[in-house]
Amino acid sequence: MKKNKPMSEDAKYVQEKETDENLDKMAKKLTKEWNKPPKMDKAPDLSFSKFEEKLKNKDQ
């Protein structure tokens, strides 16, 4: 039969904080953050000429 090792202080803390209520709070917060549109100052330049320029710079 295996002996159970005593829990470390960190493991005890995690077990205390990992309640259903706290997990629900975290899930709601993350869902809210993930559903926000990404912040972009300006639209990226996706033209072929820009791509070609980067490709040339990479080869040098």
C-alpha atoms as a PDB file:
ATOM      1  CA  MET A   1       0.000   0.000   0.000  1.00  0.00           C
ATOM      2  CA  LYS A   2       1.246   3.501  -0.901  1.00  0.00           C
ATOM      3  CA  LYS A   3       1.833   6.038   1.803  1.00  0.00           C
ATOM      4  CA  ASN A   4       0.409   9.472   1.110  1.00  0.00           C
ATOM      5  CA  LYS A   5       3.006  12.196   1.250  1.00  0.00           C
ATOM      6  CA  PRO A   6       2.116  15.237   3.336  1.00  0.00           C
ATOM      7  CA  MET A   7       0.914  18.161   1.223  1.00  0.00           C
ATOM      8  CA  SER A   8       3.277  21.046   0.708  1.00  0.00           C
ATOM      9  CA  GLU A   9       2.201  24.531   1.712  1.00  0.00           C
ATOM     10  CA  ASP A  10       1.764  25.462  -1.970  1.00  0.00           C
ATOM     11  CA  ALA A  11      -0.488  22.483  -2.616  1.00  0.00           C
ATOM     12  CA  LYS A  12      -2.592  23.360   0.422  1.00  0.00           C
ATOM     13  CA  TYR A  13      -2.957  26.943  -0.770  1.00  0.00           C
ATOM     14  CA  VAL A  14      -4.011  25.848  -4.258  1.00  0.00           C
ATOM     15  CA  GLN A  15      -6.547  23.435  -2.816  1.00  0.00           C
ATOM     16  CA  GLU A  16      -8.005  26.222  -0.638  1.00  0.00           C
ATOM     17  CA  LYS A  17      -8.306  28.678  -3.530  1.00  0.00           C
ATOM     18  CA  GLU A  18      -9.481  26.222  -6.186  1.00  0.00           C
ATOM     19  CA  THR A  19     -13.127  26.266  -5.151  1.00  0.00           C
ATOM     20  CA  ASP A  20     -16.036  25.960  -7.568  1.00  0.00           C
ATOM     21  CA  GLU A  21     -16.941  29.591  -6.897  1.00  0.00           C
ATOM     22  CA  ASN A  22     -13.424  30.837  -7.662  1.00  0.00           C
ATOM     23  CA  LEU A  23     -13.155  28.680 -10.783  1.00  0.00           C
ATOM     24  CA  ASP A  24     -16.470  30.104 -12.042  1.00  0.00           C
ATOM     25  CA  LYS A  25     -15.238  33.657 -11.408  1.00  0.00           C
ATOM     26  CA  MET A  26     -12.038  32.954 -13.320  1.00  0.00           C
ATOM     27  CA  ALA A  27     -13.926  31.351 -16.213  1.00  0.00           C
ATOM     28  CA  LYS A  28     -16.261  34.352 -16.522  1.00  0.00           C
ATOM     29  CA  LYS A  29     -13.340  36.787 -16.431  1.00  0.00           C
ATOM     30  CA  LEU A  30     -11.379  34.881 -19.078  1.00  0.00           C
ATOM     31  CA  THR A  31     -14.434  34.505 -21.316  1.00  0.00           C
ATOM     32  CA  LYS A  32     -15.000  38.260 -21.106  1.00  0.00           C
ATOM     33  CA  GLU A  33     -11.337  38.964 -21.993  1.00  0.00           C
ATOM     34  CA  TRP A  34     -11.202  36.462 -24.846  1.00  0.00           C
ATOM     35  CA  ASN A  35     -14.369  37.819 -26.453  1.00  0.00           C
ATOM     36  CA  LYS A  36     -12.945  41.331 -26.737  1.00  0.00           C
ATOM     37  CA  PRO A  37     -11.716  42.228 -30.218  1.00  0.00           C
ATOM     38  CA  PRO A  38      -7.923  42.463 -30.454  1.00  0.00           C
ATOM     39  CA  LYS A  39      -6.471  45.955 -30.133  1.00  0.00           C
ATOM     40  CA  MET A  40      -4.801  47.058 -33.337  1.00  0.00           C
ATOM     41  CA  ASP A  41      -3.555  50.564 -33.981  1.00  0.00           C
ATOM     42  CA  LYS A  42      -3.746  50.151 -37.736  1.00  0.00           C
ATOM     43  CA  ALA A  43      -4.571  47.433 -40.208  1.00  0.00           C
ATOM     44  CA  PRO A  44      -1.539  45.361 -41.244  1.00  0.00           C
ATOM     45  CA  ASP A  45      -0.140  45.829 -44.744  1.00  0.00           C
ATOM     46  CA  LEU A  46      -0.836  42.509 -46.459  1.00  0.00           C
ATOM     47  CA  SER A  47       0.215  43.557 -49.954  1.00  0.00           C
ATOM     48  CA  PHE A  48       2.482  41.267 -51.956  1.00  0.00           C
ATOM     49  CA  SER A  49       5.049  44.030 -52.404  1.00  0.00           C
ATOM     50  CA  LYS A  50       5.463  44.327 -48.645  1.00  0.00           C
ATOM     51  CA  PHE A  51       5.789  40.545 -48.347  1.00  0.00           C
ATOM     52  CA  GLU A  52       8.351  40.483 -51.137  1.00  0.00           C
ATOM     53  CA  GLU A  53      10.342  43.219 -49.395  1.00  0.00           C
ATOM     54  CA  LYS A  54      10.438  41.204 -46.155  1.00  0.00           C
ATOM     55  CA  LEU A  55      11.436  38.099 -48.081  1.00  0.00           C
ATOM     56  CA  LYS A  56      14.347  39.917 -49.698  1.00  0.00           C
ATOM     57  CA  ASN A  57      15.501  41.298 -46.327  1.00  0.00           C
ATOM     58  CA  LYS A  58      15.371  37.807 -44.851  1.00  0.00           C
ATOM     59  CA  ASP A  59      17.633  36.388 -47.568  1.00  0.00           C
ATOM     60  CA  GLN A  60      20.330  39.020 -46.999  1.00  0.00           C
END
